[in-house]
Amino acid sequence: VQLQASGGGLVQAGGSLRLSCAGSGRTFSDYIMGWFRQAPGKEREFVAASSAGGTSTYYADNMKGRFTISRDNAKNTVYLQMNSLKPEDTAIYYCAARLGGRSYTPRSYDYWGQGTLVTVSS
């Protein structure tokens, strides 16, 4: 599956952004979809994931309550709504897809989008 992330940008602390990731090429609804992020000089980290049907969602502890993952399989798109953004949320955000059960580790995801940059100013 090919993935295309979009929606990043510059936002002030406390603001919101919604990222989108459009999939194509395979049956999008077969895949677990995840969002990861990577800040300069840091390892890529898990943000959130959605089950294939969208009925189950999973979050990193420090994202709970601020970030919401959702998906629209009819549109082959997964979203990440980010609220109450902090400067430490500044990173490149990636969407990724995998078959099988949920996973929080980047290496278990088979397909990746190109990333979209989110910059949060203080």
N, C-alpha and C. Protein backbone atom coordinates (compact mmCIF):
# COMPACT_ATOMS: atom_id res chain seq x y z
N VAL A 1 0.85 -1.18 0.00
CA VAL A 1 0.00 0.00 0.00
C VAL A 1 0.89 1.24 0.00
N GLN A 2 0.53 2.22 -0.80
CA GLN A 2 1.26 3.50 -0.84
C GLN A 2 0.55 4.48 0.09
N LEU A 3 1.34 5.22 0.83
CA LEU A 3 0.79 6.14 1.82
C LEU A 3 1.31 7.55 1.57
N GLN A 4 0.43 8.52 1.73
CA GLN A 4 0.77 9.92 1.51
C GLN A 4 0.25 10.72 2.69
N ALA A 5 1.17 11.24 3.50
CA ALA A 5 0.79 12.04 4.66
C ALA A 5 0.75 13.51 4.31
N SER A 6 -0.14 14.22 4.98
CA SER A 6 -0.25 15.66 4.75
C SER A 6 -0.84 16.32 6.00
N GLY A 7 -0.82 17.64 6.00
CA GLY A 7 -1.47 18.38 7.07
C GLY A 7 -0.54 19.02 8.09
N GLY A 8 0.75 18.77 7.97
CA GLY A 8 1.68 19.38 8.90
C GLY A 8 1.80 20.88 8.67
N GLY A 9 2.49 21.53 9.59
CA GLY A 9 2.68 22.97 9.46
C GLY A 9 3.19 23.57 10.75
N LEU A 10 3.15 24.88 10.79
CA LEU A 10 3.60 25.64 11.95
C LEU A 10 2.39 26.08 12.75
N VAL A 11 2.42 25.82 14.05
CA VAL A 11 1.31 26.17 14.92
C VAL A 11 1.87 26.65 16.25
N GLN A 12 1.15 27.54 16.90
CA GLN A 12 1.58 28.00 18.22
C GLN A 12 1.22 26.99 19.28
N ALA A 13 1.96 27.01 20.37
CA ALA A 13 1.65 26.13 21.49
C ALA A 13 0.20 26.33 21.92
N GLY A 14 -0.46 25.22 22.21
CA GLY A 14 -1.87 25.26 22.57
C GLY A 14 -2.81 25.10 21.39
N GLY A 15 -2.26 25.17 20.20
CA GLY A 15 -3.07 25.07 18.99
C GLY A 15 -3.33 23.63 18.59
N SER A 16 -3.97 23.49 17.43
CA SER A 16 -4.38 22.17 16.93
C SER A 16 -3.98 22.01 15.47
N LEU A 17 -3.79 20.77 15.09
CA LEU A 17 -3.58 20.39 13.70
C LEU A 17 -4.24 19.04 13.46
N ARG A 18 -4.66 18.82 12.23
CA ARG A 18 -5.14 17.49 11.86
C ARG A 18 -4.30 16.98 10.70
N LEU A 19 -3.67 15.86 10.92
CA LEU A 19 -2.90 15.21 9.88
C LEU A 19 -3.77 14.18 9.17
N SER A 20 -3.48 14.00 7.90
CA SER A 20 -4.19 13.01 7.09
C SER A 20 -3.17 12.09 6.44
N CYS A 21 -3.59 10.88 6.19
CA CYS A 21 -2.74 9.93 5.48
C CYS A 21 -3.63 9.14 4.54
N ALA A 22 -3.41 9.32 3.26
CA ALA A 22 -4.22 8.65 2.25
C ALA A 22 -3.48 7.42 1.74
N GLY A 23 -4.20 6.32 1.65
CA GLY A 23 -3.62 5.08 1.18
C GLY A 23 -4.15 4.70 -0.19
N SER A 24 -3.32 3.97 -0.92
CA SER A 24 -3.74 3.50 -2.24
C SER A 24 -2.98 2.23 -2.58
N GLY A 25 -3.53 1.48 -3.52
CA GLY A 25 -2.81 0.34 -4.06
C GLY A 25 -3.26 -1.01 -3.53
N ARG A 26 -3.72 -1.06 -2.30
CA ARG A 26 -4.18 -2.32 -1.73
C ARG A 26 -5.43 -2.06 -0.92
N THR A 27 -5.95 -3.08 -0.31
CA THR A 27 -7.17 -2.92 0.47
C THR A 27 -6.83 -2.25 1.79
N PHE A 28 -7.10 -0.96 1.84
CA PHE A 28 -6.73 -0.15 3.01
C PHE A 28 -7.32 -0.71 4.29
N SER A 29 -8.53 -1.21 4.21
CA SER A 29 -9.24 -1.67 5.41
C SER A 29 -8.68 -2.96 5.98
N ASP A 30 -7.71 -3.56 5.32
CA ASP A 30 -7.06 -4.77 5.86
C ASP A 30 -5.96 -4.42 6.85
N TYR A 31 -5.54 -3.16 6.87
CA TYR A 31 -4.32 -2.78 7.57
C TYR A 31 -4.56 -2.09 8.89
N ILE A 32 -3.76 -2.48 9.86
CA ILE A 32 -3.56 -1.65 11.05
C ILE A 32 -2.85 -0.38 10.58
N MET A 33 -3.31 0.78 11.03
CA MET A 33 -2.66 2.04 10.67
C MET A 33 -2.10 2.69 11.91
N GLY A 34 -0.87 3.16 11.79
CA GLY A 34 -0.22 3.81 12.92
C GLY A 34 0.35 5.16 12.53
N TRP A 35 0.51 5.99 13.55
CA TRP A 35 1.24 7.25 13.42
C TRP A 35 2.47 7.18 14.33
N PHE A 36 3.56 7.62 13.79
CA PHE A 36 4.82 7.71 14.53
C PHE A 36 5.37 9.11 14.33
N ARG A 37 6.33 9.47 15.17
CA ARG A 37 6.99 10.75 14.97
C ARG A 37 8.47 10.63 15.29
N GLN A 38 9.22 11.52 14.69
CA GLN A 38 10.65 11.54 14.92
C GLN A 38 11.13 12.98 15.02
N ALA A 39 11.63 13.33 16.18
CA ALA A 39 12.20 14.65 16.41
C ALA A 39 13.69 14.62 16.08
N PRO A 40 14.28 15.77 15.78
CA PRO A 40 15.70 15.81 15.46
C PRO A 40 16.56 15.18 16.55
N GLY A 41 17.42 14.26 16.14
CA GLY A 41 18.33 13.63 17.09
C GLY A 41 17.71 12.55 17.95
N LYS A 42 16.46 12.23 17.70
CA LYS A 42 15.78 11.23 18.52
C LYS A 42 15.31 10.07 17.65
N GLU A 43 15.01 8.97 18.31
CA GLU A 43 14.48 7.81 17.61
C GLU A 43 13.01 8.02 17.26
N ARG A 44 12.59 7.28 16.26
CA ARG A 44 11.18 7.33 15.88
C ARG A 44 10.36 6.70 17.01
N GLU A 45 9.26 7.36 17.37
CA GLU A 45 8.45 6.86 18.47
C GLU A 45 7.00 6.70 18.07
N PHE A 46 6.36 5.77 18.73
CA PHE A 46 4.94 5.49 18.50
C PHE A 46 4.09 6.63 19.02
N VAL A 47 3.05 6.98 18.24
CA VAL A 47 2.10 8.00 18.66
C VAL A 47 0.73 7.38 18.90
N ALA A 48 0.20 6.71 17.88
CA ALA A 48 -1.14 6.15 17.97
C ALA A 48 -1.33 5.11 16.87
N ALA A 49 -2.31 4.23 17.08
CA ALA A 49 -2.63 3.24 16.07
C ALA A 49 -4.12 2.94 16.09
N SER A 50 -4.60 2.48 14.95
CA SER A 50 -6.00 2.12 14.81
C SER A 50 -6.10 0.72 14.26
N SER A 51 -7.04 -0.05 14.79
CA SER A 51 -7.31 -1.35 14.23
C SER A 51 -7.82 -1.20 12.80
N ALA A 52 -7.85 -2.32 12.07
CA ALA A 52 -8.22 -2.27 10.67
C ALA A 52 -9.62 -1.69 10.46
N GLY A 53 -10.53 -2.07 11.34
CA GLY A 53 -11.89 -1.57 11.22
C GLY A 53 -12.13 -0.24 11.88
N GLY A 54 -11.14 0.21 12.65
CA GLY A 54 -11.27 1.50 13.32
C GLY A 54 -11.96 1.45 14.66
N THR A 55 -12.33 0.26 15.11
CA THR A 55 -13.09 0.17 16.36
C THR A 55 -12.21 0.22 17.59
N SER A 56 -10.91 -0.06 17.41
CA SER A 56 -9.97 -0.01 18.53
C SER A 56 -8.85 0.95 18.21
N THR A 57 -8.48 1.73 19.21
CA THR A 57 -7.39 2.69 19.04
C THR A 57 -6.42 2.57 20.21
N TYR A 58 -5.18 2.94 19.96
CA TYR A 58 -4.12 2.79 20.94
C TYR A 58 -3.25 4.04 20.89
N TYR A 59 -2.78 4.46 22.08
CA TYR A 59 -2.02 5.70 22.15
C TYR A 59 -0.80 5.52 23.04
N ALA A 60 0.24 6.27 22.71
CA ALA A 60 1.34 6.43 23.64
C ALA A 60 0.82 7.19 24.85
N ASP A 61 1.37 6.89 26.01
CA ASP A 61 0.83 7.48 27.24
C ASP A 61 0.84 9.00 27.22
N ASN A 62 1.87 9.59 26.67
CA ASN A 62 1.96 11.06 26.70
C ASN A 62 1.13 11.73 25.60
N MET A 63 0.41 10.93 24.81
CA MET A 63 -0.47 11.50 23.78
C MET A 63 -1.95 11.39 24.17
N LYS A 64 -2.23 10.51 25.12
CA LYS A 64 -3.63 10.27 25.48
C LYS A 64 -4.29 11.56 25.94
N GLY A 65 -5.49 11.76 25.45
CA GLY A 65 -6.24 12.95 25.83
C GLY A 65 -5.98 14.16 24.97
N ARG A 66 -4.87 14.16 24.25
CA ARG A 66 -4.56 15.28 23.37
C ARG A 66 -4.68 14.90 21.90
N PHE A 67 -4.31 13.67 21.57
CA PHE A 67 -4.32 13.21 20.19
C PHE A 67 -5.43 12.19 19.99
N THR A 68 -6.03 12.20 18.80
CA THR A 68 -7.07 11.25 18.46
C THR A 68 -6.82 10.70 17.07
N ILE A 69 -6.73 9.39 16.98
CA ILE A 69 -6.61 8.74 15.67
C ILE A 69 -7.98 8.27 15.22
N SER A 70 -8.25 8.43 13.95
CA SER A 70 -9.49 7.94 13.38
C SER A 70 -9.23 7.55 11.94
N ARG A 71 -10.15 6.84 11.35
CA ARG A 71 -9.96 6.44 9.96
C ARG A 71 -11.30 6.38 9.27
N ASP A 72 -11.25 6.59 7.97
CA ASP A 72 -12.41 6.46 7.10
C ASP A 72 -12.01 5.50 5.99
N ASN A 73 -12.39 4.26 6.14
CA ASN A 73 -11.97 3.25 5.17
C ASN A 73 -12.61 3.46 3.80
N ALA A 74 -13.74 4.10 3.78
CA ALA A 74 -14.37 4.41 2.49
C ALA A 74 -13.52 5.40 1.70
N LYS A 75 -12.76 6.22 2.41
CA LYS A 75 -11.89 7.20 1.76
C LYS A 75 -10.43 6.78 1.80
N ASN A 76 -10.15 5.60 2.32
CA ASN A 76 -8.78 5.10 2.42
C ASN A 76 -7.87 6.10 3.14
N THR A 77 -8.38 6.66 4.21
CA THR A 77 -7.64 7.71 4.90
C THR A 77 -7.68 7.50 6.41
N VAL A 78 -6.54 7.77 7.03
CA VAL A 78 -6.45 7.79 8.48
C VAL A 78 -6.05 9.20 8.90
N TYR A 79 -6.55 9.62 10.03
CA TYR A 79 -6.34 10.98 10.52
C TYR A 79 -5.68 10.96 11.90
N LEU A 80 -5.00 12.03 12.20
CA LEU A 80 -4.50 12.25 13.55
C LEU A 80 -4.86 13.68 13.95
N GLN A 81 -5.82 13.81 14.84
CA GLN A 81 -6.20 15.11 15.37
C GLN A 81 -5.33 15.40 16.58
N MET A 82 -4.62 16.51 16.54
CA MET A 82 -3.69 16.86 17.61
C MET A 82 -4.13 18.18 18.23
N ASN A 83 -4.44 18.14 19.51
CA ASN A 83 -4.88 19.32 20.24
C ASN A 83 -3.89 19.65 21.34
N SER A 84 -4.00 20.85 21.86
CA SER A 84 -3.13 21.30 22.96
C SER A 84 -1.67 21.01 22.66
N LEU A 85 -1.26 21.39 21.49
CA LEU A 85 0.11 21.07 21.07
C LEU A 85 1.15 21.80 21.90
N LYS A 86 2.27 21.13 22.09
CA LYS A 86 3.37 21.64 22.88
C LYS A 86 4.62 21.72 22.00
N PRO A 87 5.56 22.56 22.36
CA PRO A 87 6.80 22.62 21.56
C PRO A 87 7.48 21.26 21.44
N GLU A 88 7.36 20.43 22.45
CA GLU A 88 8.00 19.11 22.39
C GLU A 88 7.29 18.15 21.43
N ASP A 89 6.16 18.55 20.89
CA ASP A 89 5.50 17.76 19.86
C ASP A 89 6.11 18.01 18.48
N THR A 90 7.02 18.95 18.39
CA THR A 90 7.67 19.24 17.11
C THR A 90 8.43 18.02 16.62
N ALA A 91 8.11 17.59 15.40
CA ALA A 91 8.71 16.37 14.83
C ALA A 91 8.19 16.19 13.42
N ILE A 92 8.79 15.26 12.72
CA ILE A 92 8.21 14.76 11.48
C ILE A 92 7.27 13.62 11.86
N TYR A 93 6.06 13.69 11.38
CA TYR A 93 5.05 12.68 11.67
C TYR A 93 4.87 11.77 10.47
N TYR A 94 4.90 10.48 10.74
CA TYR A 94 4.79 9.47 9.70
C TYR A 94 3.56 8.59 9.93
N CYS A 95 2.90 8.24 8.86
CA CYS A 95 1.89 7.21 8.96
C CYS A 95 2.49 5.91 8.44
N ALA A 96 1.95 4.80 8.92
CA ALA A 96 2.49 3.50 8.55
C ALA A 96 1.38 2.46 8.60
N ALA A 97 1.60 1.36 7.89
CA ALA A 97 0.59 0.31 7.79
C ALA A 97 1.22 -1.05 8.01
N ARG A 98 0.45 -1.92 8.61
CA ARG A 98 0.89 -3.29 8.79
C ARG A 98 -0.32 -4.21 8.80
N LEU A 99 -0.08 -5.45 8.45
CA LEU A 99 -1.10 -6.49 8.59
C LEU A 99 -0.89 -7.18 9.94
N GLY A 100 -1.94 -7.78 10.45
CA GLY A 100 -1.81 -8.51 11.70
C GLY A 100 -2.28 -7.69 12.88
N GLY A 101 -1.78 -8.02 14.06
CA GLY A 101 -2.23 -7.38 15.28
C GLY A 101 -1.57 -6.03 15.52
N ARG A 102 -1.99 -5.38 16.59
CA ARG A 102 -1.45 -4.06 16.91
C ARG A 102 0.01 -4.18 17.28
N SER A 103 0.73 -3.10 17.04
CA SER A 103 2.14 -3.05 17.38
C SER A 103 2.53 -1.61 17.63
N TYR A 104 3.48 -1.43 18.54
CA TYR A 104 3.95 -0.10 18.88
C TYR A 104 5.36 0.16 18.35
N THR A 105 5.93 -0.82 17.68
CA THR A 105 7.31 -0.70 17.24
C THR A 105 7.39 -0.40 15.75
N PRO A 106 8.18 0.60 15.37
CA PRO A 106 8.27 0.97 13.96
C PRO A 106 8.67 -0.18 13.04
N ARG A 107 9.58 -1.02 13.49
CA ARG A 107 10.10 -2.05 12.58
C ARG A 107 9.06 -3.09 12.22
N SER A 108 7.96 -3.13 12.93
CA SER A 108 6.93 -4.11 12.61
C SER A 108 5.95 -3.61 11.56
N TYR A 109 6.10 -2.36 11.15
CA TYR A 109 5.24 -1.80 10.11
C TYR A 109 5.91 -1.95 8.75
N ASP A 110 5.12 -2.32 7.76
CA ASP A 110 5.66 -2.68 6.46
C ASP A 110 5.69 -1.52 5.46
N TYR A 111 4.77 -0.60 5.60
CA TYR A 111 4.64 0.47 4.63
C TYR A 111 4.63 1.82 5.36
N TRP A 112 5.29 2.79 4.74
CA TRP A 112 5.44 4.09 5.37
C TRP A 112 5.14 5.22 4.40
N GLY A 113 4.51 6.26 4.91
CA GLY A 113 4.39 7.48 4.16
C GLY A 113 5.66 8.30 4.26
N GLN A 114 5.70 9.42 3.57
CA GLN A 114 6.93 10.19 3.47
C GLN A 114 7.15 11.12 4.66
N GLY A 115 6.16 11.30 5.50
CA GLY A 115 6.30 12.18 6.66
C GLY A 115 5.82 13.58 6.38
N THR A 116 5.32 14.21 7.41
CA THR A 116 4.89 15.60 7.33
C THR A 116 5.37 16.32 8.58
N LEU A 117 5.95 17.50 8.40
CA LEU A 117 6.60 18.21 9.49
C LEU A 117 5.60 19.03 10.29
N VAL A 118 5.64 18.84 11.59
CA VAL A 118 4.85 19.63 12.52
C VAL A 118 5.81 20.43 13.39
N THR A 119 5.64 21.74 13.39
CA THR A 119 6.47 22.61 14.21
C THR A 119 5.57 23.39 15.15
N VAL A 120 5.84 23.28 16.44
CA VAL A 120 5.05 23.97 17.45
C VAL A 120 5.92 25.04 18.09
N SER A 121 5.52 26.28 17.94
CA SER A 121 6.31 27.39 18.49
C SER A 121 5.81 27.74 19.89
N SER A 122 6.72 28.20 20.72
CA SER A 122 6.35 28.56 22.10
C SER A 122 5.92 30.01 22.20
